[in-house]
Amino acid sequence: MNNRQNRRPAARLAVAAGAVLGLLSLSATASSFHGAEAAPHKTYHAIFQIDSGSSHIIKKTLNNIENLLHDPRLQGHIKIELIANSKGINVYMKNNGLEKKLRHLQGEGVILAQCNNTLHELHVARKELYPFVSIVPSGVGEITLREAQGWAYIHPSTPPSNNL
């Protein structure tokens, strides 16, 4: 065996050892990261837009809001608004099976708002919506104002998978 053949196993062993050490350091880094930290005594704001009448999108949006409310980093420090426009009006239509969930979210401090332009465009009377929902002149106007005030904008748009 010549010197060149003797070096190959050693080189391979060094490369393998380096890969293992690299994986171990990645593992240590991943296990030490627990997400972003909330600033103490700060209030965070998020506006969720729903413009789809899909029951899957409505469910996903309401679940996202619930998850945000119960994130331990934000509990007691989050203000949320749900603005419905276009076909998203379905979330606030009476007898849709969501009254209990919406009242619960409102009890948790979530602002429930409906675009007035949508009411006019879809010829929906105010009395067809749950009475505890607020009306704003324009859904996109509400989003624009909230974003200018520093609110995070969240727009869930894909239905959840069957596994969620």
Protein backbone atom coordinates (compact mmCIF):
# COMPACT_ATOMS: atom_id res chain seq x y z
CA MET A 1 0.00 0.00 0.00
CA ASN A 2 1.38 3.42 -0.83
CA ASN A 3 1.15 6.61 1.26
CA ARG A 4 -1.70 7.97 -0.80
CA GLN A 5 -3.94 4.98 -0.02
CA ASN A 6 -3.10 5.24 3.70
CA ARG A 7 -4.26 8.88 3.80
CA ARG A 8 -7.69 8.27 2.31
CA PRO A 9 -9.23 6.48 5.33
CA ALA A 10 -7.83 9.13 7.66
CA ALA A 11 -9.22 11.91 5.48
CA ARG A 12 -12.59 10.21 5.32
CA LEU A 13 -12.58 9.79 9.09
CA ALA A 14 -11.76 13.49 9.55
CA VAL A 15 -14.58 14.53 7.22
CA ALA A 16 -17.03 12.24 9.01
CA ALA A 17 -15.95 13.53 12.43
CA GLY A 18 -16.37 17.10 11.22
CA ALA A 19 -19.87 16.34 9.96
CA VAL A 20 -20.84 14.76 13.28
CA LEU A 21 -19.49 17.75 15.22
CA GLY A 22 -21.35 20.09 12.88
CA LEU A 23 -24.62 18.22 13.45
CA LEU A 24 -24.07 18.25 17.19
CA SER A 25 -23.54 22.01 17.20
CA LEU A 26 -26.68 22.51 15.07
CA SER A 27 -28.61 20.32 17.50
CA ALA A 28 -27.39 22.35 20.47
CA THR A 29 -28.31 25.59 18.72
CA ALA A 30 -31.77 24.36 17.74
CA SER A 31 -32.54 23.10 21.24
CA SER A 32 -31.43 26.37 22.83
CA PHE A 33 -33.68 28.53 20.59
CA HIS A 34 -37.22 28.96 21.93
CA GLY A 35 -38.55 31.70 19.67
CA ALA A 36 -38.58 35.45 19.89
CA GLU A 37 -38.93 37.06 23.30
CA ALA A 38 -41.63 39.59 24.06
CA ALA A 39 -40.51 42.92 25.46
CA PRO A 40 -41.69 43.38 29.04
CA HIS A 41 -44.57 45.79 29.58
CA LYS A 42 -45.17 46.23 25.84
CA THR A 43 -48.56 45.79 24.18
CA TYR A 44 -48.58 44.09 20.80
CA HIS A 45 -51.29 44.63 18.17
CA ALA A 46 -52.47 42.40 15.33
CA ILE A 47 -55.27 42.84 12.80
CA PHE A 48 -56.58 39.74 11.07
CA GLN A 49 -58.36 40.13 7.75
CA ILE A 50 -60.91 37.63 6.55
CA ASP A 51 -62.23 38.13 3.03
CA SER A 52 -63.18 34.55 2.20
CA GLY A 53 -66.46 32.85 2.98
CA SER A 54 -64.81 29.42 3.08
CA SER A 55 -65.58 27.60 6.31
CA HIS A 56 -62.00 26.27 6.27
CA ILE A 57 -60.52 29.77 6.06
CA ILE A 58 -62.89 31.05 8.75
CA LYS A 59 -61.93 28.17 11.04
CA LYS A 60 -58.22 28.70 10.38
CA THR A 61 -58.48 32.43 11.06
CA LEU A 62 -60.38 31.97 14.33
CA ASN A 63 -57.89 29.27 15.40
CA ASN A 64 -54.98 31.59 14.59
CA ILE A 65 -56.54 34.29 16.77
CA GLU A 66 -57.08 31.81 19.60
CA ASN A 67 -53.46 30.63 19.31
CA LEU A 68 -52.18 34.20 19.44
CA LEU A 69 -54.28 34.95 22.51
CA HIS A 70 -52.81 31.92 24.28
CA ASP A 71 -49.17 32.34 23.30
CA PRO A 72 -47.54 32.51 26.76
CA ARG A 73 -45.15 35.23 25.58
CA LEU A 74 -48.04 37.53 24.67
CA GLN A 75 -50.75 36.69 27.21
CA GLY A 76 -52.07 39.90 28.66
CA HIS A 77 -50.03 41.94 26.18
CA ILE A 78 -51.89 41.47 22.89
CA LYS A 79 -54.70 43.47 21.28
CA ILE A 80 -56.40 41.81 18.30
CA GLU A 81 -58.96 42.94 15.74
CA LEU A 82 -60.74 40.75 13.22
CA ILE A 83 -61.90 42.71 10.18
CA ALA A 84 -64.27 41.01 7.75
CA ASN A 85 -64.85 42.26 4.22
CA SER A 86 -66.09 40.79 0.96
CA LYS A 87 -67.21 37.15 1.42
CA GLY A 88 -65.59 37.17 4.87
CA ILE A 89 -68.91 38.61 6.04
CA ASN A 90 -69.94 34.96 6.51
CA VAL A 91 -68.04 34.90 9.80
CA TYR A 92 -70.54 37.40 11.28
CA MET A 93 -73.81 36.20 9.72
CA LYS A 94 -76.43 35.14 12.26
CA ASN A 95 -77.13 31.43 12.67
CA ASN A 96 -73.79 30.36 11.21
CA GLY A 97 -72.84 28.33 14.28
CA LEU A 98 -70.07 30.74 15.30
CA GLU A 99 -71.88 32.95 17.81
CA LYS A 100 -70.46 31.19 20.88
CA LYS A 101 -66.90 31.26 19.50
CA LEU A 102 -67.17 34.92 18.48
CA ARG A 103 -68.60 35.95 21.86
CA HIS A 104 -65.76 34.07 23.55
CA LEU A 105 -63.15 35.88 21.43
CA GLN A 106 -64.82 39.21 22.12
CA GLY A 107 -64.76 38.37 25.83
CA GLU A 108 -61.00 37.84 25.45
CA GLY A 109 -60.75 41.41 24.13
CA VAL A 110 -60.83 40.76 20.37
CA ILE A 111 -62.43 43.58 18.37
CA LEU A 112 -64.92 42.16 15.86
CA ALA A 113 -65.39 44.53 12.92
CA GLN A 114 -67.30 44.38 9.64
CA CYS A 115 -66.74 46.51 6.54
CA ASN A 116 -69.76 48.72 5.80
CA ASN A 117 -68.89 48.86 2.09
CA THR A 118 -69.39 45.09 1.97
CA LEU A 119 -72.84 45.41 3.53
CA HIS A 120 -73.82 47.79 0.73
CA GLU A 121 -72.15 45.84 -2.07
CA LEU A 122 -73.66 42.50 -1.06
CA HIS A 123 -77.03 44.02 -0.06
CA VAL A 124 -76.82 42.66 3.48
CA ALA A 125 -78.85 44.38 6.20
CA ARG A 126 -77.12 45.12 9.50
CA LYS A 127 -79.78 43.06 11.29
CA GLU A 128 -78.51 39.92 9.48
CA LEU A 129 -75.25 40.13 11.46
CA TYR A 130 -74.66 39.35 15.10
CA PRO A 131 -75.54 42.50 17.05
CA PHE A 132 -72.24 42.54 18.95
CA VAL A 133 -70.18 43.11 15.77
CA SER A 134 -68.90 46.64 15.12
CA ILE A 135 -69.21 48.29 11.70
CA VAL A 136 -66.36 50.30 10.18
CA PRO A 137 -66.68 52.42 7.01
CA SER A 138 -64.14 50.42 5.00
CA GLY A 139 -62.30 47.17 5.69
CA VAL A 140 -59.23 48.16 3.71
CA GLY A 141 -59.35 51.58 5.36
CA GLU A 142 -59.33 49.87 8.76
CA ILE A 143 -56.33 47.77 7.78
CA THR A 144 -54.50 50.83 6.42
CA LEU A 145 -55.07 52.79 9.62
CA ARG A 146 -54.08 49.89 11.86
CA GLU A 147 -50.90 49.24 9.91
CA ALA A 148 -50.02 52.94 10.11
CA GLN A 149 -50.45 52.60 13.89
CA GLY A 150 -47.93 49.74 13.90
CA TRP A 151 -50.32 46.79 14.02
CA ALA A 152 -49.18 43.48 12.51
CA TYR A 153 -51.32 42.46 9.53
CA ILE A 154 -52.29 38.79 9.32
CA HIS A 155 -54.30 37.31 6.46
CA PRO A 156 -54.74 33.54 6.67
CA SER A 157 -55.57 32.39 3.15
CA THR A 158 -55.05 28.69 2.80
CA PRO A 159 -57.26 26.07 4.41
CA PRO A 160 -55.67 23.98 7.15
CA SER A 161 -54.51 20.52 6.20
CA ASN A 162 -56.45 17.52 7.43
CA ASN A 163 -53.70 16.95 9.98
CA LEU A 164 -54.29 20.22 11.85
